[in-house]
Amino acid sequence: MQQDDICRHYTFVAEGCLRKYQVDDKGTEHNLQFAAEGDWFMEISSFYFEKPSRVYIEAMEPSVIFQITKPDLFELFTNNPKFDRNFRVIVENRLVETENRVLQSISSTAQERYLSFIHQYPHLLSRLPNNQIASYLGITPEFLSKVRKDLVQKPRRS
């Protein structure tokens, strides 16, 4: 999906990895979120309010996705209340992740953000290039290398 497109599908990632990102006025990409196998993904305000997207969504590797349109999704909710509940839980979990990410960005060190990333996305650590992880953390790839080095050299308590 390109910025300014209307998000017309709620996407399920069966295989692969997607990222949601924004490009600032200087042309710098800022990763907002990743989705891998078993995740649902969309640009929520564009999808629900049919407004131009503020972000891009792209595959980070060859991916297999399934998509459902808003009318079909709402029909599914109406005819199968369990789906309505399940999707509400998915959206609520993403909201919690987003709130935690905002709080981390204003109150956590780069090392704490990196450790949180490892906890949230352990399956992506070896699949994503350092520059993509650094972008998500809001640091440079060089500083990410320093954070990793510091963690390796940190004395462990007995």
Protein backbone atom coordinates (compact mmCIF):
# COMPACT_ATOMS: atom_id res chain seq x y z
CA MET A 1 0.00 0.00 0.00
CA GLN A 2 1.25 3.47 -0.83
CA GLN A 3 0.84 6.63 1.21
CA ASP A 4 -2.38 8.44 0.18
CA ASP A 5 -4.02 5.17 -0.96
CA ILE A 6 -7.21 4.11 0.80
CA CYS A 7 -6.63 0.90 2.77
CA ARG A 8 -9.29 -1.41 1.35
CA HIS A 9 -8.23 -4.71 2.95
CA TYR A 10 -7.53 -6.23 6.31
CA THR A 11 -4.54 -8.46 5.63
CA PHE A 12 -3.56 -11.77 7.21
CA VAL A 13 0.09 -12.79 6.85
CA ALA A 14 0.27 -16.53 6.16
CA GLU A 15 3.97 -16.46 5.26
CA GLY A 16 6.58 -13.74 5.21
CA CYS A 17 6.97 -10.37 6.85
CA LEU A 18 5.39 -6.97 6.22
CA ARG A 19 6.28 -3.58 7.58
CA LYS A 20 4.30 -0.39 8.08
CA TYR A 21 6.34 2.78 7.76
CA GLN A 22 6.20 6.51 7.19
CA VAL A 23 8.58 8.70 5.22
CA ASP A 24 9.37 12.12 6.74
CA ASP A 25 10.02 15.40 4.91
CA LYS A 26 13.73 14.55 4.67
CA GLY A 27 13.02 11.21 2.98
CA THR A 28 13.87 9.13 6.05
CA GLU A 29 11.79 5.99 6.58
CA HIS A 30 10.43 5.34 10.08
CA ASN A 31 9.21 1.79 10.74
CA LEU A 32 6.08 1.73 12.84
CA GLN A 33 5.18 -1.93 12.97
CA PHE A 34 6.03 -5.36 11.62
CA ALA A 35 3.73 -8.30 10.90
CA ALA A 36 4.81 -11.88 10.29
CA GLU A 37 3.16 -15.28 10.08
CA GLY A 38 -0.15 -15.34 11.92
CA ASP A 39 -0.51 -11.55 12.22
CA TRP A 40 -3.31 -9.33 10.95
CA PHE A 41 -2.27 -5.99 9.47
CA MET A 42 -3.81 -2.81 8.09
CA GLU A 43 -3.75 0.97 8.31
CA ILE A 44 -6.66 1.25 10.71
CA SER A 45 -7.76 4.86 10.23
CA SER A 46 -7.68 4.56 6.45
CA PHE A 47 -9.51 1.22 6.52
CA TYR A 48 -12.33 2.28 8.85
CA PHE A 49 -12.74 5.92 7.84
CA GLU A 50 -11.80 5.55 4.15
CA LYS A 51 -9.28 8.38 4.37
CA PRO A 52 -5.94 8.50 2.54
CA SER A 53 -3.30 6.47 4.33
CA ARG A 54 -0.50 8.27 6.12
CA VAL A 55 1.80 5.27 5.79
CA TYR A 56 3.19 2.66 3.43
CA ILE A 57 2.88 -1.09 3.86
CA GLU A 58 5.31 -3.39 2.05
CA ALA A 59 6.59 -6.93 2.14
CA MET A 60 10.08 -7.31 3.62
CA GLU A 61 10.46 -10.77 2.09
CA PRO A 62 8.43 -13.01 -0.24
CA SER A 63 5.07 -13.28 1.48
CA VAL A 64 1.74 -15.05 1.20
CA ILE A 65 -1.17 -12.94 2.38
CA PHE A 66 -4.94 -13.25 2.52
CA GLN A 67 -7.10 -10.16 2.42
CA ILE A 68 -10.69 -9.33 3.29
CA THR A 69 -12.55 -6.19 2.28
CA LYS A 70 -14.39 -4.01 4.77
CA PRO A 71 -17.89 -5.00 3.49
CA ASP A 72 -16.98 -8.70 3.64
CA LEU A 73 -15.44 -8.29 7.08
CA PHE A 74 -18.55 -6.55 8.41
CA GLU A 75 -20.75 -9.25 6.90
CA LEU A 76 -18.57 -11.85 8.63
CA PHE A 77 -19.02 -9.98 11.93
CA THR A 78 -22.79 -9.83 11.51
CA ASN A 79 -23.22 -13.47 10.56
CA ASN A 80 -20.58 -14.91 12.91
CA PRO A 81 -20.41 -13.06 16.25
CA LYS A 82 -17.33 -15.08 17.31
CA PHE A 83 -15.37 -13.42 14.49
CA ASP A 84 -16.49 -10.01 15.73
CA ARG A 85 -15.14 -10.81 19.19
CA ASN A 86 -11.89 -12.29 17.85
CA PHE A 87 -11.19 -9.31 15.62
CA ARG A 88 -11.97 -6.91 18.45
CA VAL A 89 -9.37 -8.69 20.58
CA ILE A 90 -6.84 -8.45 17.73
CA VAL A 91 -7.44 -4.70 17.39
CA GLU A 92 -7.32 -4.18 21.17
CA ASN A 93 -3.99 -6.05 21.35
CA ARG A 94 -2.56 -3.81 18.61
CA LEU A 95 -3.79 -0.77 20.53
CA VAL A 96 -1.96 -1.97 23.64
CA GLU A 97 1.20 -2.54 21.56
CA THR A 98 0.90 0.97 20.11
CA GLU A 99 0.42 2.57 23.53
CA ASN A 100 3.41 0.67 24.89
CA ARG A 101 5.50 1.77 21.91
CA VAL A 102 4.60 5.44 22.42
CA LEU A 103 5.44 5.23 26.12
CA GLN A 104 8.75 3.51 25.34
CA SER A 105 9.69 6.11 22.76
CA ILE A 106 9.34 8.92 25.30
CA SER A 107 10.66 7.23 28.41
CA SER A 108 12.99 4.32 27.55
CA THR A 109 16.62 4.10 26.58
CA ALA A 110 17.66 2.66 23.23
CA GLN A 111 18.83 -0.47 25.03
CA GLU A 112 15.44 -0.88 26.73
CA ARG A 113 13.66 -0.37 23.39
CA TYR A 114 15.92 -2.97 21.77
CA LEU A 115 15.24 -5.50 24.53
CA SER A 116 11.51 -4.84 24.12
CA PHE A 117 11.84 -5.38 20.36
CA ILE A 118 13.56 -8.72 21.01
CA HIS A 119 10.71 -9.69 23.34
CA GLN A 120 7.98 -8.59 20.92
CA TYR A 121 9.55 -9.83 17.67
CA PRO A 122 11.97 -12.69 18.56
CA HIS A 123 11.11 -14.49 15.33
CA LEU A 124 12.09 -11.44 13.24
CA LEU A 125 15.45 -10.63 14.81
CA SER A 126 17.41 -12.74 12.34
CA ARG A 127 15.11 -11.99 9.40
CA LEU A 128 15.30 -8.19 9.40
CA PRO A 129 18.29 -6.11 8.31
CA ASN A 130 19.88 -3.96 11.01
CA ASN A 131 18.79 -0.74 9.32
CA GLN A 132 15.13 -1.83 9.54
CA ILE A 133 15.42 -2.70 13.25
CA ALA A 134 17.25 0.59 13.91
CA SER A 135 14.52 2.52 12.10
CA TYR A 136 11.88 0.86 14.28
CA LEU A 137 13.86 1.75 17.42
CA GLY A 138 14.43 5.34 16.30
CA ILE A 139 18.22 5.04 16.25
CA THR A 140 20.94 4.74 13.63
CA PRO A 141 22.27 1.33 12.56
CA GLU A 142 25.65 2.32 14.04
CA PHE A 143 24.07 3.03 17.42
CA LEU A 144 22.19 -0.28 17.23
CA SER A 145 25.56 -2.01 16.83
CA LYS A 146 26.80 -0.20 19.94
CA VAL A 147 23.68 -1.21 21.91
CA ARG A 148 24.19 -4.85 20.91
CA LYS A 149 27.89 -4.71 21.77
CA ASP A 150 27.13 -3.18 25.17
CA LEU A 151 24.60 -5.93 25.92
CA VAL A 152 27.11 -8.66 25.03
CA GLN A 153 29.82 -7.06 27.18
CA LYS A 154 27.53 -6.32 30.12
CA PRO A 155 28.65 -8.33 33.17
CA ARG A 156 26.07 -10.90 34.22
CA ARG A 157 24.97 -11.16 37.84
CA SER A 158 25.36 -14.53 39.54
